[in-house]
Structure formats: structure tokens, C-alpha cells
Amino acid sequence: IASAERLLVFAGDGGATSLRPSLLLERALLSVVGAH
């Protein structure tokens, strides 16, 4: 839930960099689900 709230803040941040905050959070979320 906390990650979802944060992602909505990042909506439309754009950019192609692999270090943008939204992509880092996407990777973290996917990692948690994959680990489970």
C-alpha cells in the first residue's frame, strides 16, 4: 500500500534514466513479489 501511494506521486515523472525514483520503486516491488 505504501509503495502504491508513492508510485502515484511519481506518475508522469518520465525520463529514460534507470536511476529515476519511480523505476527503482518498481524494481523493489517486483523483487518483493518475486521473492515471495
PDB file of all heavy atoms in Angstrom:
ATOM      1  N   ILE A   1       0.832  -1.206   0.000  1.00  0.00           N
ATOM      2  CA  ILE A   1       0.000   0.000   0.000  1.00  0.00           C
ATOM      3  C   ILE A   1       0.864   1.253   0.000  1.00  0.00           C
ATOM      4  O   ILE A   1       0.614   2.205  -0.747  1.00  0.00           O
ATOM      5  CB  ILE A   1      -0.954  -0.012   1.208  1.00  0.00           C
ATOM      6  CG1 ILE A   1      -2.003  -1.111   1.019  1.00  0.00           C
ATOM      7  CG2 ILE A   1      -1.622   1.344   1.381  1.00  0.00           C
ATOM      8  CD1 ILE A   1      -2.907  -1.309   2.210  1.00  0.00           C
ATOM      9  N   ALA A   2       1.908   1.262   0.831  1.00  0.00           N
ATOM     10  CA  ALA A   2       2.795   2.425   0.886  1.00  0.00           C
ATOM     11  C   ALA A   2       3.498   2.647  -0.456  1.00  0.00           C
ATOM     12  O   ALA A   2       3.641   3.783  -0.923  1.00  0.00           O
ATOM     13  CB  ALA A   2       3.823   2.233   1.994  1.00  0.00           C
ATOM     14  N   SER A   3       3.896   1.562  -1.097  1.00  0.00           N
ATOM     15  CA  SER A   3       4.554   1.671  -2.402  1.00  0.00           C
ATOM     16  C   SER A   3       3.585   2.188  -3.458  1.00  0.00           C
ATOM     17  O   SER A   3       3.952   2.989  -4.320  1.00  0.00           O
ATOM     18  CB  SER A   3       5.109   0.311  -2.819  1.00  0.00           C
ATOM     19  OG  SER A   3       6.082  -0.148  -1.900  1.00  0.00           O
ATOM     20  N   ALA A   4       2.325   1.725  -3.399  1.00  0.00           N
ATOM     21  CA  ALA A   4       1.320   2.191  -4.348  1.00  0.00           C
ATOM     22  C   ALA A   4       1.091   3.690  -4.199  1.00  0.00           C
ATOM     23  O   ALA A   4       1.012   4.425  -5.199  1.00  0.00           O
ATOM     24  CB  ALA A   4       0.014   1.426  -4.136  1.00  0.00           C
ATOM     25  N   GLU A   5       0.990   4.162  -2.980  1.00  0.00           N
ATOM     26  CA  GLU A   5       0.797   5.592  -2.743  1.00  0.00           C
ATOM     27  C   GLU A   5       1.964   6.398  -3.294  1.00  0.00           C
ATOM     28  O   GLU A   5       1.785   7.462  -3.890  1.00  0.00           O
ATOM     29  CB  GLU A   5       0.619   5.842  -1.251  1.00  0.00           C
ATOM     30  CG  GLU A   5      -0.673   5.263  -0.680  1.00  0.00           C
ATOM     31  CD  GLU A   5      -0.742   5.374   0.831  1.00  0.00           C
ATOM     32  OE1 GLU A   5       0.311   5.622   1.460  1.00  0.00           O
ATOM     33  OE2 GLU A   5      -1.848   5.189   1.384  1.00  0.00           O
ATOM     34  N   ARG A   6       3.168   5.864  -3.108  1.00  0.00           N
ATOM     35  CA  ARG A   6       4.354   6.583  -3.576  1.00  0.00           C
ATOM     36  C   ARG A   6       4.436   6.577  -5.104  1.00  0.00           C
ATOM     37  O   ARG A   6       4.821   7.578  -5.725  1.00  0.00           O
ATOM     38  CB  ARG A   6       5.607   5.939  -2.977  1.00  0.00           C
ATOM     39  CG  ARG A   6       6.878   6.774  -3.164  1.00  0.00           C
ATOM     40  CD  ARG A   6       6.726   8.107  -2.485  1.00  0.00           C
ATOM     41  NE  ARG A   6       7.910   8.942  -2.670  1.00  0.00           N
ATOM     42  CZ  ARG A   6       7.925  10.249  -2.468  1.00  0.00           C
ATOM     43  NH1 ARG A   6       6.816  10.882  -2.085  1.00  0.00           N
ATOM     44  NH2 ARG A   6       9.037  10.937  -2.639  1.00  0.00           N
ATOM     45  N   LEU A   7       4.072   5.470  -5.729  1.00  0.00           N
ATOM     46  CA  LEU A   7       4.124   5.386  -7.181  1.00  0.00           C
ATOM     47  C   LEU A   7       3.186   6.393  -7.833  1.00  0.00           C
ATOM     48  O   LEU A   7       3.508   6.971  -8.872  1.00  0.00           O
ATOM     49  CB  LEU A   7       3.754   3.974  -7.651  1.00  0.00           C
ATOM     50  CG  LEU A   7       4.877   2.950  -7.723  1.00  0.00           C
ATOM     51  CD1 LEU A   7       4.330   1.601  -8.177  1.00  0.00           C
ATOM     52  CD2 LEU A   7       5.989   3.409  -8.662  1.00  0.00           C
ATOM     53  N   LEU A   8       2.024   6.609  -7.226  1.00  0.00           N
ATOM     54  CA  LEU A   8       1.083   7.550  -7.801  1.00  0.00           C
ATOM     55  C   LEU A   8       1.652   8.970  -7.779  1.00  0.00           C
ATOM     56  O   LEU A   8       1.372   9.779  -8.666  1.00  0.00           O
ATOM     57  CB  LEU A   8      -0.251   7.500  -7.058  1.00  0.00           C
ATOM     58  CG  LEU A   8      -1.454   8.016  -7.852  1.00  0.00           C
ATOM     59  CD1 LEU A   8      -1.653   7.198  -9.117  1.00  0.00           C
ATOM     60  CD2 LEU A   8      -2.705   7.990  -7.011  1.00  0.00           C
ATOM     61  N   VAL A   9       2.475   9.269  -6.787  1.00  0.00           N
ATOM     62  CA  VAL A   9       3.146  10.564  -6.728  1.00  0.00           C
ATOM     63  C   VAL A   9       4.114  10.705  -7.898  1.00  0.00           C
ATOM     64  O   VAL A   9       4.284  11.785  -8.467  1.00  0.00           O
ATOM     65  CB  VAL A   9       3.892  10.717  -5.386  1.00  0.00           C
ATOM     66  CG1 VAL A   9       4.736  11.988  -5.378  1.00  0.00           C
ATOM     67  CG2 VAL A   9       2.914  10.725  -4.221  1.00  0.00           C
ATOM     68  N   PHE A  10       4.736   9.568  -8.295  1.00  0.00           N
ATOM     69  CA  PHE A  10       5.717   9.584  -9.373  1.00  0.00           C
ATOM     70  C   PHE A  10       5.083   9.560 -10.760  1.00  0.00           C
ATOM     71  O   PHE A  10       5.794   9.627 -11.762  1.00  0.00           O
ATOM     72  CB  PHE A  10       6.643   8.366  -9.263  1.00  0.00           C
ATOM     73  CG  PHE A  10       7.573   8.421  -8.083  1.00  0.00           C
ATOM     74  CD1 PHE A  10       7.808   7.289  -7.328  1.00  0.00           C
ATOM     75  CD2 PHE A  10       8.206   9.597  -7.742  1.00  0.00           C
ATOM     76  CE1 PHE A  10       8.674   7.320  -6.247  1.00  0.00           C
ATOM     77  CE2 PHE A  10       9.081   9.645  -6.661  1.00  0.00           C
ATOM     78  CZ  PHE A  10       9.318   8.506  -5.907  1.00  0.00           C
ATOM     79  N   ALA A  11       3.756   9.403 -10.835  1.00  0.00           N
ATOM     80  CA  ALA A  11       3.099   9.275 -12.140  1.00  0.00           C
ATOM     81  C   ALA A  11       3.476  10.442 -13.042  1.00  0.00           C
ATOM     82  O   ALA A  11       3.385  11.605 -12.667  1.00  0.00           O
ATOM     83  CB  ALA A  11       1.589   9.211 -11.973  1.00  0.00           C
ATOM     84  N   GLY A  12       3.937  10.126 -14.243  1.00  0.00           N
ATOM     85  CA  GLY A  12       4.291  11.162 -15.201  1.00  0.00           C
ATOM     86  C   GLY A  12       5.671  11.748 -15.015  1.00  0.00           C
ATOM     87  O   GLY A  12       5.986  12.761 -15.622  1.00  0.00           O
ATOM     88  N   ASP A  13       6.526  11.096 -14.184  1.00  0.00           N
ATOM     89  CA  ASP A  13       7.861  11.667 -13.990  1.00  0.00           C
ATOM     90  C   ASP A  13       8.720  11.519 -15.238  1.00  0.00           C
ATOM     91  O   ASP A  13       9.661  12.269 -15.451  1.00  0.00           O
ATOM     92  CB  ASP A  13       8.555  11.049 -12.772  1.00  0.00           C
ATOM     93  CG  ASP A  13       8.905   9.575 -12.949  1.00  0.00           C
ATOM     94  OD1 ASP A  13       8.414   8.958 -13.914  1.00  0.00           O
ATOM     95  OD2 ASP A  13       9.661   9.047 -12.118  1.00  0.00           O
ATOM     96  N   GLY A  14       8.402  10.501 -16.108  1.00  0.00           N
ATOM     97  CA  GLY A  14       9.089  10.366 -17.399  1.00  0.00           C
ATOM     98  C   GLY A  14      10.572  10.107 -17.236  1.00  0.00           C
ATOM     99  O   GLY A  14      11.063   9.705 -16.193  1.00  0.00           O
ATOM    100  N   GLY A  15      11.284  10.327 -18.303  1.00  0.00           N
ATOM    101  CA  GLY A  15      12.724  10.133 -18.266  1.00  0.00           C
ATOM    102  C   GLY A  15      13.123   8.715 -18.599  1.00  0.00           C
ATOM    103  O   GLY A  15      12.390   7.774 -18.343  1.00  0.00           O
ATOM    104  N   ALA A  16      14.311   8.566 -19.173  1.00  0.00           N
ATOM    105  CA  ALA A  16      14.779   7.242 -19.577  1.00  0.00           C
ATOM    106  C   ALA A  16      15.827   6.685 -18.631  1.00  0.00           C
ATOM    107  O   ALA A  16      16.249   5.552 -18.770  1.00  0.00           O
ATOM    108  CB  ALA A  16      15.361   7.313 -20.991  1.00  0.00           C
ATOM    109  N   THR A  17      16.263   7.469 -17.671  1.00  0.00           N
ATOM    110  CA  THR A  17      17.332   7.019 -16.798  1.00  0.00           C
ATOM    111  C   THR A  17      16.891   5.849 -15.938  1.00  0.00           C
ATOM    112  O   THR A  17      15.763   5.792 -15.451  1.00  0.00           O
ATOM    113  CB  THR A  17      17.819   8.159 -15.889  1.00  0.00           C
ATOM    114  OG1 THR A  17      18.751   7.636 -14.934  1.00  0.00           O
ATOM    115  CG2 THR A  17      16.661   8.777 -15.122  1.00  0.00           C
ATOM    116  N   SER A  18      17.774   4.899 -15.768  1.00  0.00           N
ATOM    117  CA  SER A  18      17.467   3.718 -14.950  1.00  0.00           C
ATOM    118  C   SER A  18      17.520   4.035 -13.463  1.00  0.00           C
ATOM    119  O   SER A  18      17.210   3.185 -12.644  1.00  0.00           O
ATOM    120  CB  SER A  18      18.458   2.596 -15.267  1.00  0.00           C
ATOM    121  OG  SER A  18      19.784   3.010 -14.959  1.00  0.00           O
ATOM    122  N   LEU A  19      17.905   5.259 -13.108  1.00  0.00           N
ATOM    123  CA  LEU A  19      18.018   5.627 -11.699  1.00  0.00           C
ATOM    124  C   LEU A  19      16.879   6.517 -11.236  1.00  0.00           C
ATOM    125  O   LEU A  19      16.903   6.998 -10.102  1.00  0.00           O
ATOM    126  CB  LEU A  19      19.360   6.346 -11.451  1.00  0.00           C
ATOM    127  CG  LEU A  19      20.618   5.499 -11.701  1.00  0.00           C
ATOM    128  CD1 LEU A  19      21.872   6.335 -11.457  1.00  0.00           C
ATOM    129  CD2 LEU A  19      20.631   4.273 -10.796  1.00  0.00           C
ATOM    130  N   ARG A  20      15.864   6.759 -12.069  1.00  0.00           N
ATOM    131  CA  ARG A  20      14.785   7.611 -11.625  1.00  0.00           C
ATOM    132  C   ARG A  20      14.032   6.911 -10.487  1.00  0.00           C
ATOM    133  O   ARG A  20      13.889   5.677 -10.486  1.00  0.00           O
ATOM    134  CB  ARG A  20      13.868   7.979 -12.782  1.00  0.00           C
ATOM    135  CG  ARG A  20      13.000   6.885 -13.342  1.00  0.00           C
ATOM    136  CD  ARG A  20      12.148   7.460 -14.492  1.00  0.00           C
ATOM    137  NE  ARG A  20      11.079   6.574 -14.874  1.00  0.00           N
ATOM    138  CZ  ARG A  20      11.172   5.631 -15.786  1.00  0.00           C
ATOM    139  NH1 ARG A  20      12.336   5.430 -16.393  1.00  0.00           N
ATOM    140  NH2 ARG A  20      10.126   4.871 -16.074  1.00  0.00           N
ATOM    141  N   PRO A  21      13.539   7.647  -9.501  1.00  0.00           N
ATOM    142  CA  PRO A  21      12.954   7.045  -8.296  1.00  0.00           C
ATOM    143  C   PRO A  21      11.822   6.070  -8.586  1.00  0.00           C
ATOM    144  O   PRO A  21      11.723   5.040  -7.924  1.00  0.00           O
ATOM    145  CB  PRO A  21      12.458   8.269  -7.511  1.00  0.00           C
ATOM    146  CG  PRO A  21      13.313   9.401  -7.977  1.00  0.00           C
ATOM    147  CD  PRO A  21      13.588   9.109  -9.419  1.00  0.00           C
ATOM    148  N   SER A  22      10.969   6.389  -9.545  1.00  0.00           N
ATOM    149  CA  SER A  22       9.835   5.506  -9.804  1.00  0.00           C
ATOM    150  C   SER A  22      10.285   4.127 -10.280  1.00  0.00           C
ATOM    151  O   SER A  22       9.740   3.104  -9.866  1.00  0.00           O
ATOM    152  CB  SER A  22       8.904   6.134 -10.843  1.00  0.00           C
ATOM    153  OG  SER A  22       9.591   6.361 -12.060  1.00  0.00           O
ATOM    154  N   LEU A  23      11.310   4.080 -11.143  1.00  0.00           N
ATOM    155  CA  LEU A  23      11.784   2.789 -11.649  1.00  0.00           C
ATOM    156  C   LEU A  23      12.449   1.991 -10.536  1.00  0.00           C
ATOM    157  O   LEU A  23      12.304   0.757 -10.466  1.00  0.00           O
ATOM    158  CB  LEU A  23      12.750   3.007 -12.812  1.00  0.00           C
ATOM    159  CG  LEU A  23      13.278   1.731 -13.483  1.00  0.00           C
ATOM    160  CD1 LEU A  23      12.126   0.859 -13.958  1.00  0.00           C
ATOM    161  CD2 LEU A  23      14.207   2.079 -14.649  1.00  0.00           C
ATOM    162  N   LEU A  24      13.161   2.672  -9.656  1.00  0.00           N
ATOM    163  CA  LEU A  24      13.773   1.975  -8.519  1.00  0.00           C
ATOM    164  C   LEU A  24      12.700   1.346  -7.634  1.00  0.00           C
ATOM    165  O   LEU A  24      12.858   0.231  -7.147  1.00  0.00           O
ATOM    166  CB  LEU A  24      14.631   2.947  -7.713  1.00  0.00           C
ATOM    167  CG  LEU A  24      15.852   3.521  -8.428  1.00  0.00           C
ATOM    168  CD1 LEU A  24      16.564   4.547  -7.541  1.00  0.00           C
ATOM    169  CD2 LEU A  24      16.816   2.399  -8.806  1.00  0.00           C
ATOM    170  N   LEU A  25      11.588   2.066  -7.439  1.00  0.00           N
ATOM    171  CA  LEU A  25      10.499   1.529  -6.633  1.00  0.00           C
ATOM    172  C   LEU A  25       9.802   0.379  -7.355  1.00  0.00           C
ATOM    173  O   LEU A  25       9.406  -0.614  -6.723  1.00  0.00           O
ATOM    174  CB  LEU A  25       9.503   2.639  -6.294  1.00  0.00           C
ATOM    175  CG  LEU A  25       8.345   2.256  -5.363  1.00  0.00           C
ATOM    176  CD1 LEU A  25       8.845   1.569  -4.106  1.00  0.00           C
ATOM    177  CD2 LEU A  25       7.521   3.490  -5.008  1.00  0.00           C
ATOM    178  N   GLU A  26       9.639   0.488  -8.666  1.00  0.00           N
ATOM    179  CA  GLU A  26       9.073  -0.622  -9.441  1.00  0.00           C
ATOM    180  C   GLU A  26       9.909  -1.887  -9.234  1.00  0.00           C
ATOM    181  O   GLU A  26       9.370  -2.979  -8.998  1.00  0.00           O
ATOM    182  CB  GLU A  26       9.061  -0.278 -10.926  1.00  0.00           C
ATOM    183  CG  GLU A  26       7.992   0.696 -11.371  1.00  0.00           C
ATOM    184  CD  GLU A  26       8.061   0.906 -12.878  1.00  0.00           C
ATOM    185  OE1 GLU A  26       7.967  -0.100 -13.610  1.00  0.00           O
ATOM    186  OE2 GLU A  26       8.224   2.058 -13.322  1.00  0.00           O
ATOM    187  N   ARG A  27      11.221  -1.730  -9.345  1.00  0.00           N
ATOM    188  CA  ARG A  27      12.104  -2.887  -9.196  1.00  0.00           C
ATOM    189  C   ARG A  27      11.999  -3.484  -7.794  1.00  0.00           C
ATOM    190  O   ARG A  27      12.003  -4.712  -7.629  1.00  0.00           O
ATOM    191  CB  ARG A  27      13.545  -2.472  -9.483  1.00  0.00           C
ATOM    192  CG  ARG A  27      13.821  -2.164 -10.951  1.00  0.00           C
ATOM    193  CD  ARG A  27      15.213  -1.601 -11.141  1.00  0.00           C
ATOM    194  NE  ARG A  27      15.524  -1.384 -12.547  1.00  0.00           N
ATOM    195  CZ  ARG A  27      16.582  -0.699 -12.976  1.00  0.00           C
ATOM    196  NH1 ARG A  27      17.423  -0.163 -12.089  1.00  0.00           N
ATOM    197  NH2 ARG A  27      16.804  -0.556 -14.267  1.00  0.00           N
ATOM    198  N   ALA A  28      11.890  -2.622  -6.790  1.00  0.00           N
ATOM    199  CA  ALA A  28      11.778  -3.110  -5.416  1.00  0.00           C
ATOM    200  C   ALA A  28      10.472  -3.875  -5.216  1.00  0.00           C
ATOM    201  O   ALA A  28      10.451  -4.944  -4.575  1.00  0.00           O
ATOM    202  CB  ALA A  28      11.863  -1.932  -4.448  1.00  0.00           C
ATOM    203  N   LEU A  29       9.379  -3.334  -5.757  1.00  0.00           N
ATOM    204  CA  LEU A  29       8.091  -4.015  -5.642  1.00  0.00           C
ATOM    205  C   LEU A  29       8.123  -5.376  -6.329  1.00  0.00           C
ATOM    206  O   LEU A  29       7.669  -6.388  -5.769  1.00  0.00           O
ATOM    207  CB  LEU A  29       6.999  -3.150  -6.292  1.00  0.00           C
ATOM    208  CG  LEU A  29       6.128  -2.300  -5.378  1.00  0.00           C
ATOM    209  CD1 LEU A  29       5.238  -1.395  -6.211  1.00  0.00           C
ATOM    210  CD2 LEU A  29       5.287  -3.169  -4.470  1.00  0.00           C
ATOM    211  N   LEU A  30       8.649  -5.402  -7.528  1.00  0.00           N
ATOM    212  CA  LEU A  30       8.710  -6.651  -8.268  1.00  0.00           C
ATOM    213  C   LEU A  30       9.607  -7.657  -7.552  1.00  0.00           C
ATOM    214  O   LEU A  30       9.322  -8.862  -7.530  1.00  0.00           O
ATOM    215  CB  LEU A  30       9.240  -6.378  -9.680  1.00  0.00           C
ATOM    216  CG  LEU A  30       8.987  -7.448 -10.743  1.00  0.00           C
ATOM    217  CD1 LEU A  30       7.489  -7.690 -10.925  1.00  0.00           C
ATOM    218  CD2 LEU A  30       9.602  -7.028 -12.071  1.00  0.00           C
ATOM    219  N   SER A  31      10.667  -7.173  -6.934  1.00  0.00           N
ATOM    220  CA  SER A  31      11.572  -8.045  -6.198  1.00  0.00           C
ATOM    221  C   SER A  31      10.879  -8.681  -4.995  1.00  0.00           C
ATOM    222  O   SER A  31      11.072  -9.869  -4.713  1.00  0.00           O
ATOM    223  CB  SER A  31      12.796  -7.246  -5.732  1.00  0.00           C
ATOM    224  OG  SER A  31      13.651  -8.047  -4.941  1.00  0.00           O
ATOM    225  N   VAL A  32      10.064  -7.904  -4.290  1.00  0.00           N
ATOM    226  CA  VAL A  32       9.343  -8.439  -3.128  1.00  0.00           C
ATOM    227  C   VAL A  32       8.371  -9.538  -3.550  1.00  0.00           C
ATOM    228  O   VAL A  32       8.315 -10.605  -2.942  1.00  0.00           O
ATOM    229  CB  VAL A  32       8.596  -7.297  -2.399  1.00  0.00           C
ATOM    230  CG1 VAL A  32       7.608  -7.869  -1.385  1.00  0.00           C
ATOM    231  CG2 VAL A  32       9.596  -6.387  -1.692  1.00  0.00           C
ATOM    232  N   VAL A  33       7.601  -9.277  -4.605  1.00  0.00           N
ATOM    233  CA  VAL A  33       6.636 -10.283  -5.071  1.00  0.00           C
ATOM    234  C   VAL A  33       7.369 -11.521  -5.587  1.00  0.00           C
ATOM    235  O   VAL A  33       6.976 -12.657  -5.302  1.00  0.00           O
ATOM    236  CB  VAL A  33       5.730  -9.697  -6.164  1.00  0.00           C
ATOM    237  CG1 VAL A  33       4.773 -10.766  -6.689  1.00  0.00           C
ATOM    238  CG2 VAL A  33       4.931  -8.521  -5.606  1.00  0.00           C
ATOM    239  N   GLY A  34       8.463 -11.311  -6.342  1.00  0.00           N
ATOM    240  CA  GLY A  34       9.236 -12.444  -6.848  1.00  0.00           C
ATOM    241  C   GLY A  34       9.824 -13.283  -5.742  1.00  0.00           C
ATOM    242  O   GLY A  34       9.856 -14.524  -5.825  1.00  0.00           O
ATOM    243  N   ALA A  35      10.290 -12.628  -4.669  1.00  0.00           N
ATOM    244  CA  ALA A  35      10.858 -13.361  -3.541  1.00  0.00           C
ATOM    245  C   ALA A  35       9.794 -14.203  -2.835  1.00  0.00           C
ATOM    246  O   ALA A  35      10.036 -15.357  -2.454  1.00  0.00           O
ATOM    247  CB  ALA A  35      11.494 -12.384  -2.554  1.00  0.00           C
ATOM    248  N   HIS A  36       8.599 -13.652  -2.657  1.00  0.00           N
ATOM    249  CA  HIS A  36       7.515 -14.413  -2.041  1.00  0.00           C
ATOM    250  C   HIS A  36       7.097 -15.595  -2.920  1.00  0.00           C
ATOM    251  O   HIS A  36       6.785 -16.676  -2.408  1.00  0.00           O
ATOM    252  CB  HIS A  36       6.313 -13.503  -1.774  1.00  0.00           C
ATOM    253  CG  HIS A  36       6.394 -12.772  -0.475  1.00  0.00           C
ATOM    254  ND1 HIS A  36       7.291 -11.760  -0.247  1.00  0.00           N
ATOM    255  CD2 HIS A  36       5.705 -12.937   0.694  1.00  0.00           C
ATOM    256  CE1 HIS A  36       7.142 -11.308   0.991  1.00  0.00           C
ATOM    257  NE2 HIS A  36       6.192 -12.012   1.577  1.00  0.00           N
TER     258      HIS A  36
END
